[in-house]
Amino acid sequence: MASEITEQYLKIIYNLTEEEGAAKTTEIAQRLGVAPASVTQMIHKLSKQGYVRHEPYHGTRLSPKGKRVAKRIARRHRLLERFLSDIVGVGVEAGHDQACKMEHALSEEAEEVLCKMMNHPQRCPHGRPIPKCERDITCQECAAETLRLSDLDEGETATVSHLVAKNKEELCRVLAMGFIPGTRVVVEKRLPMDGPIIVNLKGTRIAIARSIGGTLCMTRAA
């Protein structure tokens, strides 16, 4: 497994090669806020480990091995930026700095839920494309794996997969009601005339508006 500093270097090289085709030592140093000599030493190390290919006077490019790692980290970083900006309400630049701290600790499972929760965003707040996940599945197929609470029939049991909220206020309201991802929910009754849905959540009966039920993505119990 690549170290955090290795992931950071590979992500920076990935970003620069997106823009210019190759990453120059001075540009990497500027992005990371370190001396060019330190970057030269690290590039030599990454080259020996098979992550990059460096050509004097031409810059550094990622190897297939390095690109796999870099795309994974860039994807997590850009998803986190989107979440921090759209859901949490953090400013774009502050969100970038926070995402840099969080990207290395985000698990594959959390990454998948985060992407679903935001309806598979295509670009980060800076306009960069969000790399596709490593699952052998399209975004449409991924979305089809779940259904909304409002689509469940009476008597069905399901587990909250993720939330698709329009804004952070709606997200906080649903979470405060107890609809945490991983929680099992039983649909007891669907009232007529677009009335609320009565569900049993951890032994408590809750009436939830169908519009709110549309924000809850579920997986049916096996």
Protein backbone atom coordinates (compact mmCIF):
# COMPACT_ATOMS: atom_id res chain seq x y z
CA MET A 1 0.00 0.00 0.00
CA ALA A 2 1.32 3.45 -0.92
CA SER A 3 2.19 5.80 1.94
CA GLU A 4 0.32 9.06 2.46
CA ILE A 5 3.24 11.13 1.15
CA THR A 6 3.48 8.88 -1.92
CA GLU A 7 -0.25 9.30 -2.57
CA GLN A 8 0.07 13.06 -2.23
CA TYR A 9 2.92 13.22 -4.75
CA LEU A 10 1.13 10.98 -7.22
CA LYS A 11 -2.05 13.06 -6.95
CA ILE A 12 -0.13 16.28 -7.63
CA ILE A 13 1.59 14.71 -10.63
CA TYR A 14 -1.79 13.46 -11.85
CA ASN A 15 -3.28 16.96 -11.56
CA LEU A 16 -0.36 18.54 -13.41
CA THR A 17 -0.31 15.95 -16.18
CA GLU A 18 -4.05 16.54 -16.68
CA GLU A 19 -3.20 20.15 -17.42
CA GLU A 20 0.14 19.97 -19.22
CA GLY A 21 0.95 16.34 -20.09
CA ALA A 22 4.01 16.13 -17.83
CA ALA A 23 4.87 17.47 -14.37
CA LYS A 24 7.97 19.62 -13.92
CA THR A 25 9.93 19.41 -10.69
CA THR A 26 9.51 23.12 -9.97
CA GLU A 27 5.73 22.87 -10.42
CA ILE A 28 5.48 19.89 -8.07
CA ALA A 29 7.58 21.75 -5.49
CA GLN A 30 5.35 24.81 -5.79
CA ARG A 31 2.15 22.78 -5.32
CA LEU A 32 3.54 20.98 -2.27
CA GLY A 33 5.38 23.95 -0.77
CA VAL A 34 8.73 22.14 -0.57
CA ALA A 35 12.19 22.66 -2.03
CA PRO A 36 12.86 21.39 -5.58
CA ALA A 37 15.74 19.28 -4.21
CA SER A 38 13.28 17.40 -1.97
CA VAL A 39 11.03 16.74 -4.97
CA THR A 40 13.98 15.42 -7.00
CA GLN A 41 14.80 12.93 -4.24
CA MET A 42 11.18 11.80 -3.98
CA ILE A 43 10.78 11.44 -7.76
CA HIS A 44 13.88 9.22 -7.81
CA LYS A 45 12.33 7.07 -5.08
CA LEU A 46 8.96 6.88 -6.84
CA SER A 47 10.71 5.93 -10.07
CA LYS A 48 12.52 3.05 -8.37
CA GLN A 49 9.18 1.87 -6.93
CA GLY A 50 7.64 1.86 -10.39
CA TYR A 51 5.14 4.68 -9.81
CA VAL A 52 6.57 7.28 -12.22
CA ARG A 53 8.79 7.72 -15.26
CA HIS A 54 11.09 10.72 -15.28
CA GLU A 55 12.85 12.15 -18.30
CA PRO A 56 15.40 14.94 -17.68
CA TYR A 57 14.23 18.27 -19.13
CA HIS A 58 10.89 16.70 -20.10
CA GLY A 59 9.26 16.17 -16.71
CA THR A 60 7.61 13.31 -14.83
CA ARG A 61 4.75 11.10 -15.95
CA LEU A 62 2.83 8.43 -14.07
CA SER A 63 3.32 4.77 -14.86
CA PRO A 64 0.16 2.61 -15.12
CA LYS A 65 0.80 1.55 -11.51
CA GLY A 66 1.15 5.16 -10.36
CA LYS A 67 -1.88 6.30 -12.33
CA ARG A 68 -4.11 3.73 -10.62
CA VAL A 69 -3.14 5.05 -7.20
CA ALA A 70 -3.33 8.70 -8.29
CA LYS A 71 -6.78 8.35 -9.85
CA ARG A 72 -8.12 6.70 -6.70
CA ILE A 73 -6.84 9.53 -4.49
CA ALA A 74 -7.90 12.25 -6.94
CA ARG A 75 -11.39 10.72 -7.05
CA ARG A 76 -11.70 10.71 -3.26
CA HIS A 77 -10.34 14.24 -3.01
CA ARG A 78 -12.79 15.62 -5.58
CA LEU A 79 -15.77 13.77 -4.11
CA LEU A 80 -14.89 15.16 -0.69
CA GLU A 81 -14.60 18.67 -2.14
CA ARG A 82 -18.06 18.27 -3.68
CA PHE A 83 -19.51 17.02 -0.38
CA LEU A 84 -17.88 19.75 1.71
CA SER A 85 -19.03 22.44 -0.71
CA ASP A 86 -22.55 21.25 -1.55
CA ILE A 87 -23.69 19.52 1.65
CA VAL A 88 -21.59 20.93 4.48
CA GLY A 89 -21.40 24.44 3.04
CA VAL A 90 -17.64 24.89 3.36
CA GLY A 91 -16.01 27.39 0.98
CA VAL A 92 -14.27 25.98 -2.09
CA GLU A 93 -10.69 26.75 -1.01
CA ALA A 94 -11.27 25.69 2.60
CA GLY A 95 -12.93 22.54 1.27
CA HIS A 96 -9.85 21.79 -0.83
CA ASP A 97 -7.58 22.02 2.21
CA GLN A 98 -9.90 19.84 4.30
CA ALA A 99 -10.23 17.26 1.52
CA CYS A 100 -6.42 16.98 1.40
CA LYS A 101 -6.49 15.86 5.04
CA MET A 102 -9.40 13.44 4.62
CA GLU A 103 -8.71 11.77 1.27
CA HIS A 104 -6.12 9.30 2.57
CA ALA A 105 -8.38 7.94 5.31
CA LEU A 106 -11.57 7.51 3.24
CA SER A 107 -12.45 3.83 2.82
CA GLU A 108 -13.74 2.28 -0.42
CA GLU A 109 -17.13 1.72 1.20
CA ALA A 110 -17.38 5.33 2.37
CA GLU A 111 -16.29 6.55 -1.07
CA GLU A 112 -19.05 4.52 -2.73
CA VAL A 113 -21.75 5.80 -0.35
CA LEU A 114 -20.51 9.38 -0.74
CA CYS A 115 -20.73 9.14 -4.53
CA LYS A 116 -24.25 7.68 -4.42
CA MET A 117 -25.43 10.24 -1.88
CA MET A 118 -24.49 13.05 -4.25
CA ASN A 119 -26.01 11.35 -7.32
CA HIS A 120 -22.69 10.44 -8.93
CA PRO A 121 -21.24 13.94 -9.50
CA GLN A 122 -19.12 14.37 -12.61
CA ARG A 123 -16.95 17.34 -11.59
CA CYS A 124 -15.46 18.87 -8.45
CA PRO A 125 -16.19 22.49 -7.44
CA HIS A 126 -13.09 23.59 -9.41
CA GLY A 127 -14.48 22.00 -12.59
CA ARG A 128 -12.06 19.07 -12.71
CA PRO A 129 -13.57 15.74 -13.82
CA ILE A 130 -14.06 13.20 -11.03
CA PRO A 131 -12.35 9.95 -12.11
CA LYS A 132 -14.63 6.93 -12.46
CA CYS A 133 -14.63 4.41 -9.62
CA GLU A 134 -12.83 1.08 -9.92
CA ARG A 135 -16.05 -0.95 -9.87
CA ASP A 136 -16.89 -2.70 -13.13
CA ILE A 137 -20.28 -1.03 -13.29
CA THR A 138 -21.83 2.06 -14.85
CA CYS A 139 -23.20 4.94 -12.77
CA GLN A 140 -26.69 4.04 -14.00
CA GLU A 141 -26.30 0.43 -12.84
CA CYS A 142 -24.92 1.63 -9.52
CA ALA A 143 -27.94 3.90 -8.97
CA ALA A 144 -30.29 1.03 -9.85
CA GLU A 145 -28.92 -1.09 -6.99
CA THR A 146 -31.06 0.88 -4.53
CA LEU A 147 -34.63 2.14 -4.36
CA ARG A 148 -36.29 4.96 -2.44
CA LEU A 149 -38.21 4.43 0.79
CA SER A 150 -41.25 5.93 -0.94
CA ASP A 151 -41.17 3.01 -3.42
CA LEU A 152 -41.37 0.26 -0.78
CA ASP A 153 -44.61 -1.60 -0.16
CA GLU A 154 -46.33 -2.20 3.18
CA GLY A 155 -44.62 -4.96 5.17
CA GLU A 156 -41.28 -4.63 3.40
CA THR A 157 -38.05 -4.38 5.38
CA ALA A 158 -35.03 -2.54 4.02
CA THR A 159 -31.78 -0.99 5.14
CA VAL A 160 -30.84 2.66 4.67
CA SER A 161 -28.08 2.70 2.05
CA HIS A 162 -27.49 6.43 1.72
CA LEU A 163 -29.29 9.77 1.66
CA VAL A 164 -29.90 11.95 -1.36
CA ALA A 165 -30.66 15.38 0.08
CA LYS A 166 -31.23 18.65 -1.79
CA ASN A 167 -29.26 20.64 0.78
CA LYS A 168 -27.57 20.33 4.16
CA GLU A 169 -30.73 21.40 6.04
CA GLU A 170 -32.72 18.51 4.58
CA LEU A 171 -29.83 16.12 5.21
CA CYS A 172 -29.55 17.16 8.87
CA ARG A 173 -33.32 16.84 9.36
CA VAL A 174 -33.41 13.28 8.02
CA LEU A 175 -30.36 12.25 10.04
CA ALA A 176 -31.90 13.74 13.19
CA MET A 177 -34.96 11.53 12.65
CA GLY A 178 -32.68 8.50 12.94
CA PHE A 179 -32.32 7.47 9.30
CA ILE A 180 -28.62 6.67 9.52
CA PRO A 181 -27.02 4.54 6.76
CA GLY A 182 -27.09 0.91 7.91
CA THR A 183 -30.34 1.27 9.89
CA ARG A 184 -33.13 -1.26 9.21
CA VAL A 185 -36.59 0.13 8.49
CA VAL A 186 -39.95 -1.66 8.28
CA VAL A 187 -42.75 -0.05 6.26
CA GLU A 188 -45.93 -0.53 8.30
CA LYS A 189 -48.47 1.50 6.36
CA ARG A 190 -48.75 3.77 3.36
CA LEU A 191 -51.59 6.23 3.90
CA PRO A 192 -53.74 7.02 0.82
CA MET A 193 -53.97 10.28 -1.12
CA ASP A 194 -50.19 10.80 -1.03
CA GLY A 195 -50.31 10.73 2.75
CA PRO A 196 -47.29 9.95 4.92
CA ILE A 197 -45.57 6.59 5.18
CA ILE A 198 -45.61 4.97 8.62
CA VAL A 199 -42.36 3.16 9.34
CA ASN A 200 -40.88 1.32 12.29
CA LEU A 201 -37.38 2.55 13.02
CA LYS A 202 -35.61 0.79 15.90
CA GLY A 203 -38.94 0.07 17.60
CA THR A 204 -40.29 3.59 17.13
CA ARG A 205 -43.15 4.36 14.75
CA ILE A 206 -42.48 7.41 12.57
CA ALA A 207 -44.71 9.13 10.01
CA ILE A 208 -42.60 10.45 7.19
CA ALA A 209 -43.78 12.56 4.26
CA ARG A 210 -43.41 10.87 0.89
CA SER A 211 -41.27 13.75 -0.34
CA ILE A 212 -38.81 13.04 2.47
CA GLY A 213 -39.09 9.32 1.75
CA GLY A 214 -37.69 10.12 -1.67
CA THR A 215 -34.40 11.21 -0.11
CA LEU A 216 -33.87 7.81 1.59
CA CYS A 217 -32.16 5.24 -0.61
CA MET A 218 -32.68 1.68 0.57
CA THR A 219 -31.58 -1.87 -0.12
CA ARG A 220 -34.19 -4.59 0.41
CA ALA A 221 -33.56 -7.04 3.22
CA ALA A 222 -32.37 -10.45 2.02
